[in-house]
Amino acid sequence: MDRPQNYKELYNLRHSQAHNIVERIFGVAKKRFSILRETNEYPMLTQAKIVSACGVTHNFIRTFDPDDMPEPVEPEGISPALYTGDLGAGSIGPQETCRASKQR
């Protein structure tokens, strides 16, 4: 993979990597908790609480039984090469930071 040539390419790379990681996290959660795979008739507030409860439960299990981990789920149609690497890698200079802040 070529290194980003400017701040837009760097942003797109970081955004894509983060997106792929989030997709994998949802895949793991759906594999572990069937309630996340099914359609339900709960109110939106209850659905949000279900997702949070699943996250807390997952973290609890990981803390007290780290060997109990579902296999990672690869996002459909995405090459594993796209989400490897360090999200914090690379340096962003003060000029680029200032320019990005102004644009936001």
Protein backbone atom coordinates (compact mmCIF):
# COMPACT_ATOMS: atom_id res chain seq x y z
CA MET A 1 0.00 0.00 0.00
CA ASP A 2 1.38 3.42 -0.92
CA ARG A 3 1.82 6.01 1.77
CA PRO A 4 -0.74 8.83 1.77
CA GLN A 5 0.45 11.82 -0.25
CA ASN A 6 -1.65 14.51 1.49
CA TYR A 7 -3.99 15.09 4.39
CA LYS A 8 -7.06 13.98 2.41
CA GLU A 9 -5.52 10.62 1.55
CA LEU A 10 -4.35 10.20 5.15
CA TYR A 11 -7.86 10.98 6.43
CA ASN A 12 -9.41 8.51 3.97
CA LEU A 13 -6.92 5.82 4.97
CA ARG A 14 -7.57 6.29 8.70
CA HIS A 15 -11.33 6.45 8.14
CA SER A 16 -11.28 3.24 6.11
CA GLN A 17 -9.17 1.42 8.70
CA ALA A 18 -11.44 2.54 11.55
CA HIS A 19 -14.53 1.55 9.55
CA ASN A 20 -13.15 -1.94 8.98
CA ILE A 21 -12.31 -2.37 12.66
CA VAL A 22 -15.83 -1.32 13.66
CA GLU A 23 -17.27 -3.81 11.16
CA ARG A 24 -15.17 -6.59 12.70
CA ILE A 25 -16.31 -5.61 16.21
CA PHE A 26 -19.94 -5.80 15.14
CA GLY A 27 -19.25 -9.19 13.55
CA VAL A 28 -17.82 -10.54 16.80
CA ALA A 29 -20.75 -9.13 18.80
CA LYS A 30 -23.33 -10.62 16.41
CA LYS A 31 -21.60 -13.98 16.56
CA ARG A 32 -21.63 -13.99 20.36
CA PHE A 33 -25.11 -12.53 20.97
CA SER A 34 -27.92 -13.84 18.79
CA ILE A 35 -30.24 -11.02 19.89
CA LEU A 36 -28.10 -8.68 17.76
CA ARG A 37 -28.72 -10.79 14.65
CA GLU A 38 -32.49 -10.93 14.95
CA THR A 39 -35.14 -8.38 14.11
CA ASN A 40 -37.04 -7.35 17.22
CA GLU A 41 -39.99 -5.20 18.15
CA TYR A 42 -38.42 -3.46 21.13
CA PRO A 43 -38.59 0.34 21.35
CA MET A 44 -35.47 2.18 20.10
CA LEU A 45 -34.36 3.07 23.65
CA THR A 46 -34.53 -0.60 24.67
CA GLN A 47 -32.59 -1.63 21.57
CA ALA A 48 -29.83 0.83 22.47
CA LYS A 49 -29.70 -0.63 25.97
CA ILE A 50 -29.45 -4.16 24.53
CA VAL A 51 -26.41 -3.18 22.48
CA SER A 52 -24.78 -1.56 25.51
CA ALA A 53 -25.58 -4.58 27.71
CA CYS A 54 -24.03 -6.90 25.13
CA GLY A 55 -20.89 -4.74 25.10
CA VAL A 56 -20.63 -4.76 28.88
CA THR A 57 -21.23 -8.51 28.99
CA HIS A 58 -18.62 -9.10 26.29
CA ASN A 59 -16.04 -7.01 28.21
CA PHE A 60 -16.87 -8.85 31.44
CA ILE A 61 -16.36 -12.22 29.75
CA ARG A 62 -13.07 -11.01 28.21
CA THR A 63 -11.85 -9.83 31.62
CA PHE A 64 -12.63 -13.02 33.53
CA ASP A 65 -12.23 -15.63 30.76
CA PRO A 66 -9.91 -14.26 28.05
CA ASP A 67 -9.84 -17.65 26.30
CA ASP A 68 -13.59 -17.46 25.58
CA MET A 69 -13.45 -15.42 22.40
CA PRO A 70 -15.37 -16.00 19.18
CA GLU A 71 -13.33 -16.12 16.01
CA PRO A 72 -13.00 -12.73 14.32
CA VAL A 73 -15.51 -12.16 11.55
CA GLU A 74 -14.19 -10.68 8.34
CA PRO A 75 -16.42 -7.96 6.88
CA GLU A 76 -18.03 -9.12 3.68
CA GLY A 77 -16.14 -8.16 0.54
CA ILE A 78 -13.24 -6.51 2.38
CA SER A 79 -9.71 -7.76 2.03
CA PRO A 80 -7.93 -8.42 5.36
CA ALA A 81 -5.00 -6.39 4.01
CA LEU A 82 -7.13 -3.25 4.28
CA TYR A 83 -7.46 -3.37 8.05
CA THR A 84 -3.98 -4.34 9.05
CA GLY A 85 -1.58 -1.80 10.40
CA ASP A 86 -1.41 0.73 13.13
CA LEU A 87 -4.12 3.36 13.21
CA GLY A 88 -1.83 5.73 15.06
CA ALA A 89 1.07 5.36 12.64
CA GLY A 90 2.35 8.30 10.72
CA SER A 91 2.82 11.87 11.74
CA ILE A 92 0.62 14.85 11.15
CA GLY A 93 2.35 18.20 11.29
CA PRO A 94 1.04 21.33 12.99
CA GLN A 95 0.14 22.94 9.64
CA GLU A 96 -1.96 19.94 8.66
CA THR A 97 -3.64 19.90 12.08
CA CYS A 98 -4.47 23.60 11.80
CA ARG A 99 -5.80 23.20 8.26
CA ALA A 100 -7.97 20.24 9.30
CA SER A 101 -9.32 22.16 12.31
CA LYS A 102 -10.27 25.12 10.11
CA GLN A 103 -11.96 22.83 7.60
CA ARG A 104 -14.01 21.13 10.34
